[in-house]
Amino acid sequence: MYLIFRCDCGRGMYAKEGVATRKCVCGKTIKVKTRRIIKKVEDYQTASDEVRDLQEEKYGGTFFTTADKVK
């Protein structure tokens, strides 16, 4: 079972059930027990897809562009 939750920075993350901590890309170490669990899923592929959906919901869809067009 995998748990899906958010970091304080807003990034969606997942961890295997029973794991005590998880490190976010922002640098913060998160205690999984203290997080509000958004969803539980059976396998890591589904967890990855759910996190991708959370990221797209918050930041919009994924797209490719050149550096001169980034705001």
PDB file of N, CA and C in Angstrom:
ATOM      1  N   MET A   1       0.862  -1.175   0.000  1.00  0.00           N
ATOM      2  CA  MET A   1       0.000   0.000   0.000  1.00  0.00           C
ATOM      3  C   MET A   1       0.907   1.237   0.000  1.00  0.00           C
ATOM      4  N   TYR A   2       0.562   2.229  -0.789  1.00  0.00           N
ATOM      5  CA  TYR A   2       1.306   3.483  -0.888  1.00  0.00           C
ATOM      6  C   TYR A   2       0.408   4.641  -0.464  1.00  0.00           C
ATOM      7  N   LEU A   3       0.994   5.591   0.273  1.00  0.00           N
ATOM      8  CA  LEU A   3       0.271   6.753   0.782  1.00  0.00           C
ATOM      9  C   LEU A   3       0.647   7.972  -0.048  1.00  0.00           C
ATOM     10  N   ILE A   4      -0.337   8.760  -0.417  1.00  0.00           N
ATOM     11  CA  ILE A   4      -0.104   9.969  -1.201  1.00  0.00           C
ATOM     12  C   ILE A   4      -0.420  11.168  -0.325  1.00  0.00           C
ATOM     13  N   PHE A   5       0.511  12.137  -0.293  1.00  0.00           N
ATOM     14  CA  PHE A   5       0.375  13.314   0.559  1.00  0.00           C
ATOM     15  C   PHE A   5       1.121  14.477  -0.075  1.00  0.00           C
ATOM     16  N   ARG A   6       1.035  15.639   0.535  1.00  0.00           N
ATOM     17  CA  ARG A   6       1.731  16.831   0.042  1.00  0.00           C
ATOM     18  C   ARG A   6       2.771  17.300   1.062  1.00  0.00           C
ATOM     19  N   CYS A   7       3.846  17.857   0.547  1.00  0.00           N
ATOM     20  CA  CYS A   7       4.849  18.531   1.376  1.00  0.00           C
ATOM     21  C   CYS A   7       4.311  19.918   1.725  1.00  0.00           C
ATOM     22  N   ASP A   8       4.953  20.598   2.661  1.00  0.00           N
ATOM     23  CA  ASP A   8       4.568  21.965   2.996  1.00  0.00           C
ATOM     24  C   ASP A   8       4.769  22.914   1.812  1.00  0.00           C
ATOM     25  N   CYS A   9       5.684  22.581   0.911  1.00  0.00           N
ATOM     26  CA  CYS A   9       5.919  23.418  -0.265  1.00  0.00           C
ATOM     27  C   CYS A   9       4.835  23.224  -1.319  1.00  0.00           C
ATOM     28  N   GLY A  10       3.984  22.187  -1.157  1.00  0.00           N
ATOM     29  CA  GLY A  10       2.889  21.953  -2.082  1.00  0.00           C
ATOM     30  C   GLY A  10       3.113  20.796  -3.035  1.00  0.00           C
ATOM     31  N   ARG A  11       4.306  20.261  -3.040  1.00  0.00           N
ATOM     32  CA  ARG A  11       4.621  19.166  -3.957  1.00  0.00           C
ATOM     33  C   ARG A  11       3.929  17.878  -3.525  1.00  0.00           C
ATOM     34  N   GLY A  12       3.338  17.168  -4.474  1.00  0.00           N
ATOM     35  CA  GLY A  12       2.725  15.882  -4.196  1.00  0.00           C
ATOM     36  C   GLY A  12       3.798  14.820  -4.059  1.00  0.00           C
ATOM     37  N   MET A  13       3.612  13.911  -3.099  1.00  0.00           N
ATOM     38  CA  MET A  13       4.597  12.862  -2.845  1.00  0.00           C
ATOM     39  C   MET A  13       3.899  11.561  -2.514  1.00  0.00           C
ATOM     40  N   TYR A  14       4.647  10.466  -2.600  1.00  0.00           N
ATOM     41  CA  TYR A  14       4.114   9.193  -2.128  1.00  0.00           C
ATOM     42  C   TYR A  14       5.194   8.440  -1.375  1.00  0.00           C
ATOM     43  N   ALA A  15       4.757   7.574  -0.477  1.00  0.00           N
ATOM     44  CA  ALA A  15       5.668   6.743   0.304  1.00  0.00           C
ATOM     45  C   ALA A  15       4.994   5.410   0.582  1.00  0.00           C
ATOM     46  N   LYS A  16       5.801   4.392   0.707  1.00  0.00           N
ATOM     47  CA  LYS A  16       5.271   3.074   1.036  1.00  0.00           C
ATOM     48  C   LYS A  16       4.777   3.107   2.481  1.00  0.00           C
ATOM     49  N   GLU A  17       3.669   2.446   2.727  1.00  0.00           N
ATOM     50  CA  GLU A  17       3.100   2.406   4.064  1.00  0.00           C
ATOM     51  C   GLU A  17       4.120   1.785   5.023  1.00  0.00           C
ATOM     52  N   GLY A  18       4.292   2.409   6.181  1.00  0.00           N
ATOM     53  CA  GLY A  18       5.250   1.920   7.162  1.00  0.00           C
ATOM     54  C   GLY A  18       6.557   2.691   7.163  1.00  0.00           C
ATOM     55  N   VAL A  19       6.794   3.506   6.141  1.00  0.00           N
ATOM     56  CA  VAL A  19       8.004   4.325   6.090  1.00  0.00           C
ATOM     57  C   VAL A  19       7.830   5.495   7.054  1.00  0.00           C
ATOM     58  N   ALA A  20       8.871   5.802   7.835  1.00  0.00           N
ATOM     59  CA  ALA A  20       8.768   6.850   8.845  1.00  0.00           C
ATOM     60  C   ALA A  20       8.915   8.244   8.251  1.00  0.00           C
ATOM     61  N   THR A  21       9.913   8.445   7.380  1.00  0.00           N
ATOM     62  CA  THR A  21      10.162   9.780   6.827  1.00  0.00           C
ATOM     63  C   THR A  21      10.366   9.698   5.322  1.00  0.00           C
ATOM     64  N   ARG A  22      10.204  10.868   4.706  1.00  0.00           N
ATOM     65  CA  ARG A  22      10.399  11.001   3.256  1.00  0.00           C
ATOM     66  C   ARG A  22      11.010  12.370   3.019  1.00  0.00           C
ATOM     67  N   LYS A  23      11.995  12.466   2.142  1.00  0.00           N
ATOM     68  CA  LYS A  23      12.661  13.729   1.853  1.00  0.00           C
ATOM     69  C   LYS A  23      12.098  14.317   0.566  1.00  0.00           C
ATOM     70  N   CYS A  24      11.665  15.571   0.642  1.00  0.00           N
ATOM     71  CA  CYS A  24      11.129  16.275  -0.524  1.00  0.00           C
ATOM     72  C   CYS A  24      12.276  16.900  -1.312  1.00  0.00           C
ATOM     73  N   VAL A  25      12.024  17.219  -2.567  1.00  0.00           N
ATOM     74  CA  VAL A  25      13.049  17.875  -3.388  1.00  0.00           C
ATOM     75  C   VAL A  25      13.347  19.285  -2.895  1.00  0.00           C
ATOM     76  N   CYS A  26      12.448  19.877  -2.097  1.00  0.00           N
ATOM     77  CA  CYS A  26      12.696  21.210  -1.542  1.00  0.00           C
ATOM     78  C   CYS A  26      13.695  21.150  -0.386  1.00  0.00           C
ATOM     79  N   GLY A  27      14.000  19.939   0.093  1.00  0.00           N
ATOM     80  CA  GLY A  27      14.983  19.779   1.155  1.00  0.00           C
ATOM     81  C   GLY A  27      14.391  19.425   2.505  1.00  0.00           C
ATOM     82  N   LYS A  28      13.100  19.520   2.648  1.00  0.00           N
ATOM     83  CA  LYS A  28      12.456  19.248   3.926  1.00  0.00           C
ATOM     84  C   LYS A  28      12.279  17.744   4.124  1.00  0.00           C
ATOM     85  N   THR A  29      12.570  17.282   5.347  1.00  0.00           N
ATOM     86  CA  THR A  29      12.313  15.898   5.714  1.00  0.00           C
ATOM     87  C   THR A  29      10.944  15.834   6.366  1.00  0.00           C
ATOM     88  N   ILE A  30      10.089  14.971   5.839  1.00  0.00           N
ATOM     89  CA  ILE A  30       8.690  14.918   6.270  1.00  0.00           C
ATOM     90  C   ILE A  30       8.431  13.631   7.027  1.00  0.00           C
ATOM     91  N   LYS A  31       7.797  13.754   8.190  1.00  0.00           N
ATOM     92  CA  LYS A  31       7.354  12.586   8.938  1.00  0.00           C
ATOM     93  C   LYS A  31       6.000  12.172   8.359  1.00  0.00           C
ATOM     94  N   VAL A  32       5.958  11.012   7.771  1.00  0.00           N
ATOM     95  CA  VAL A  32       4.768  10.552   7.051  1.00  0.00           C
ATOM     96  C   VAL A  32       3.578  10.419   7.998  1.00  0.00           C
ATOM     97  N   LYS A  33       3.803   9.986   9.228  1.00  0.00           N
ATOM     98  CA  LYS A  33       2.708   9.806  10.192  1.00  0.00           C
ATOM     99  C   LYS A  33       1.935  11.094  10.465  1.00  0.00           C
ATOM    100  N   THR A  34       2.611  12.242  10.393  1.00  0.00           N
ATOM    101  CA  THR A  34       1.966  13.512  10.741  1.00  0.00           C
ATOM    102  C   THR A  34       1.257  14.166   9.559  1.00  0.00           C
ATOM    103  N   ARG A  35       1.414  13.629   8.375  1.00  0.00           N
ATOM    104  CA  ARG A  35       0.812  14.213   7.177  1.00  0.00           C
ATOM    105  C   ARG A  35      -0.637  13.798   7.023  1.00  0.00           C
ATOM    106  N   ARG A  36      -1.419  14.667   6.389  1.00  0.00           N
ATOM    107  CA  ARG A  36      -2.789  14.307   6.005  1.00  0.00           C
ATOM    108  C   ARG A  36      -2.679  13.481   4.734  1.00  0.00           C
ATOM    109  N   ILE A  37      -3.156  12.255   4.796  1.00  0.00           N
ATOM    110  CA  ILE A  37      -3.075  11.337   3.659  1.00  0.00           C
ATOM    111  C   ILE A  37      -4.208  11.657   2.691  1.00  0.00           C
ATOM    112  N   ILE A  38      -3.848  11.975   1.459  1.00  0.00           N
ATOM    113  CA  ILE A  38      -4.832  12.326   0.439  1.00  0.00           C
ATOM    114  C   ILE A  38      -5.485  11.072  -0.124  1.00  0.00           C
ATOM    115  N   LYS A  39      -4.671  10.048  -0.357  1.00  0.00           N
ATOM    116  CA  LYS A  39      -5.193   8.834  -0.982  1.00  0.00           C
ATOM    117  C   LYS A  39      -4.272   7.665  -0.662  1.00  0.00           C
ATOM    118  N   LYS A  40      -4.829   6.458  -0.694  1.00  0.00           N
ATOM    119  CA  LYS A  40      -4.057   5.227  -0.564  1.00  0.00           C
ATOM    120  C   LYS A  40      -4.263   4.408  -1.826  1.00  0.00           C
ATOM    121  N   VAL A  41      -3.165   3.895  -2.367  1.00  0.00           N
ATOM    122  CA  VAL A  41      -3.238   3.073  -3.574  1.00  0.00           C
ATOM    123  C   VAL A  41      -2.410   1.806  -3.384  1.00  0.00           C
ATOM    124  N   GLU A  42      -2.634   0.844  -4.242  1.00  0.00           N
ATOM    125  CA  GLU A  42      -2.018  -0.479  -4.086  1.00  0.00           C
ATOM    126  C   GLU A  42      -0.571  -0.574  -4.579  1.00  0.00           C
ATOM    127  N   ASP A  43      -0.249   0.045  -5.722  1.00  0.00           N
ATOM    128  CA  ASP A  43       1.087  -0.136  -6.275  1.00  0.00           C
ATOM    129  C   ASP A  43       1.753   1.191  -6.617  1.00  0.00           C
ATOM    130  N   TYR A  44       3.072   1.132  -6.848  1.00  0.00           N
ATOM    131  CA  TYR A  44       3.828   2.360  -7.062  1.00  0.00           C
ATOM    132  C   TYR A  44       3.513   3.026  -8.398  1.00  0.00           C
ATOM    133  N   GLN A  45       3.098   2.269  -9.415  1.00  0.00           N
ATOM    134  CA  GLN A  45       2.742   2.889 -10.693  1.00  0.00           C
ATOM    135  C   GLN A  45       1.519   3.785 -10.529  1.00  0.00           C
ATOM    136  N   THR A  46       0.521   3.298  -9.813  1.00  0.00           N
ATOM    137  CA  THR A  46      -0.682   4.088  -9.560  1.00  0.00           C
ATOM    138  C   THR A  46      -0.340   5.290  -8.700  1.00  0.00           C
ATOM    139  N   ALA A  47       0.526   5.101  -7.704  1.00  0.00           N
ATOM    140  CA  ALA A  47       0.940   6.203  -6.835  1.00  0.00           C
ATOM    141  C   ALA A  47       1.634   7.291  -7.645  1.00  0.00           C
ATOM    142  N   SER A  48       2.494   6.888  -8.553  1.00  0.00           N
ATOM    143  CA  SER A  48       3.205   7.839  -9.407  1.00  0.00           C
ATOM    144  C   SER A  48       2.229   8.626 -10.277  1.00  0.00           C
ATOM    145  N   ASP A  49       1.246   7.938 -10.839  1.00  0.00           N
ATOM    146  CA  ASP A  49       0.234   8.606 -11.669  1.00  0.00           C
ATOM    147  C   ASP A  49      -0.589   9.594 -10.843  1.00  0.00           C
ATOM    148  N   GLU A  50      -0.946   9.214  -9.624  1.00  0.00           N
ATOM    149  CA  GLU A  50      -1.736  10.093  -8.755  1.00  0.00           C
ATOM    150  C   GLU A  50      -0.948  11.345  -8.375  1.00  0.00           C
ATOM    151  N   VAL A  51       0.341  11.185  -8.086  1.00  0.00           N
ATOM    152  CA  VAL A  51       1.185  12.338  -7.754  1.00  0.00           C
ATOM    153  C   VAL A  51       1.308  13.248  -8.966  1.00  0.00           C
ATOM    154  N   ARG A  52       1.452  12.667 -10.146  1.00  0.00           N
ATOM    155  CA  ARG A  52       1.526  13.467 -11.376  1.00  0.00           C
ATOM    156  C   ARG A  52       0.241  14.270 -11.566  1.00  0.00           C
ATOM    157  N   ASP A  53      -0.902  13.655 -11.282  1.00  0.00           N
ATOM    158  CA  ASP A  53      -2.186  14.354 -11.379  1.00  0.00           C
ATOM    159  C   ASP A  53      -2.270  15.497 -10.371  1.00  0.00           C
ATOM    160  N   LEU A  54      -1.771  15.269  -9.144  1.00  0.00           N
ATOM    161  CA  LEU A  54      -1.754  16.330  -8.130  1.00  0.00           C
ATOM    162  C   LEU A  54      -0.904  17.510  -8.595  1.00  0.00           C
ATOM    163  N   GLN A  55       0.253  17.216  -9.176  1.00  0.00           N
ATOM    164  CA  GLN A  55       1.138  18.267  -9.655  1.00  0.00           C
ATOM    165  C   GLN A  55       0.496  19.062 -10.791  1.00  0.00           C
ATOM    166  N   GLU A  56      -0.162  18.364 -11.702  1.00  0.00           N
ATOM    167  CA  GLU A  56      -0.830  19.048 -12.809  1.00  0.00           C
ATOM    168  C   GLU A  56      -1.994  19.887 -12.318  1.00  0.00           C
ATOM    169  N   GLU A  57      -2.689  19.413 -11.290  1.00  0.00           N
ATOM    170  CA  GLU A  57      -3.799  20.161 -10.702  1.00  0.00           C
ATOM    171  C   GLU A  57      -3.303  21.478 -10.094  1.00  0.00           C
ATOM    172  N   LYS A  58      -2.155  21.437  -9.449  1.00  0.00           N
ATOM    173  CA  LYS A  58      -1.634  22.635  -8.785  1.00  0.00           C
ATOM    174  C   LYS A  58      -0.886  23.566  -9.738  1.00  0.00           C
ATOM    175  N   TYR A  59      -0.065  22.995 -10.616  1.00  0.00           N
ATOM    176  CA  TYR A  59       0.820  23.804 -11.452  1.00  0.00           C
ATOM    177  C   TYR A  59       0.455  23.821 -12.927  1.00  0.00           C
ATOM    178  N   GLY A  60      -0.583  23.121 -13.321  1.00  0.00           N
ATOM    179  CA  GLY A  60      -0.957  23.060 -14.729  1.00  0.00           C
ATOM    180  C   GLY A  60      -0.303  21.880 -15.409  1.00  0.00           C
ATOM    181  N   GLY A  61      -0.666  21.666 -16.650  1.00  0.00           N
ATOM    182  CA  GLY A  61      -0.156  20.524 -17.400  1.00  0.00           C
ATOM    183  C   GLY A  61       1.320  20.652 -17.709  1.00  0.00           C
ATOM    184  N   THR A  62       1.916  19.548 -18.077  1.00  0.00           N
ATOM    185  CA  THR A  62       3.322  19.565 -18.442  1.00  0.00           C
ATOM    186  C   THR A  62       3.461  20.045 -19.876  1.00  0.00           C
ATOM    187  N   PHE A  63       4.486  20.804 -20.132  1.00  0.00           N
ATOM    188  CA  PHE A  63       4.735  21.316 -21.472  1.00  0.00           C
ATOM    189  C   PHE A  63       6.221  21.584 -21.625  1.00  0.00           C
ATOM    190  N   PHE A  64       6.684  21.658 -22.837  1.00  0.00           N
ATOM    191  CA  PHE A  64       8.076  21.941 -23.116  1.00  0.00           C
ATOM    192  C   PHE A  64       8.168  23.288 -23.812  1.00  0.00           C
ATOM    193  N   THR A  65       9.192  24.033 -23.465  1.00  0.00           N
ATOM    194  CA  THR A  65       9.396  25.344 -24.046  1.00  0.00           C
ATOM    195  C   THR A  65      10.889  25.678 -24.001  1.00  0.00           C
ATOM    196  N   THR A  66      11.247  26.778 -24.597  1.00  0.00           N
ATOM    197  CA  THR A  66      12.630  27.224 -24.528  1.00  0.00           C
ATOM    198  C   THR A  66      12.788  28.238 -23.388  1.00  0.00           C
ATOM    199  N   ALA A  67      13.999  28.440 -22.947  1.00  0.00           N
ATOM    200  CA  ALA A  67      14.258  29.296 -21.781  1.00  0.00           C
ATOM    201  C   ALA A  67      13.843  30.742 -22.010  1.00  0.00           C
ATOM    202  N   ASP A  68      13.915  31.220 -23.230  1.00  0.00           N
ATOM    203  CA  ASP A  68      13.544  32.624 -23.488  1.00  0.00           C
ATOM    204  C   ASP A  68      12.050  32.876 -23.378  1.00  0.00           C
ATOM    205  N   LYS A  69      11.235  31.831 -23.353  1.00  0.00           N
ATOM    206  CA  LYS A  69       9.783  31.993 -23.238  1.00  0.00           C
ATOM    207  C   LYS A  69       9.256  31.803 -21.839  1.00  0.00           C
ATOM    208  N   VAL A  70      10.136  31.417 -20.887  1.00  0.00           N
ATOM    209  CA  VAL A  70       9.721  31.207 -19.495  1.00  0.00           C
ATOM    210  C   VAL A  70       9.529  32.555 -18.834  1.00  0.00           C
ATOM    211  N   LYS A  71       8.417  32.700 -18.118  1.00  0.00           N
ATOM    212  CA  LYS A  71       8.111  33.979 -17.462  1.00  0.00           C
ATOM    213  C   LYS A  71       8.876  34.126 -16.175  1.00  0.00           C
TER     214      LYS A  71
END
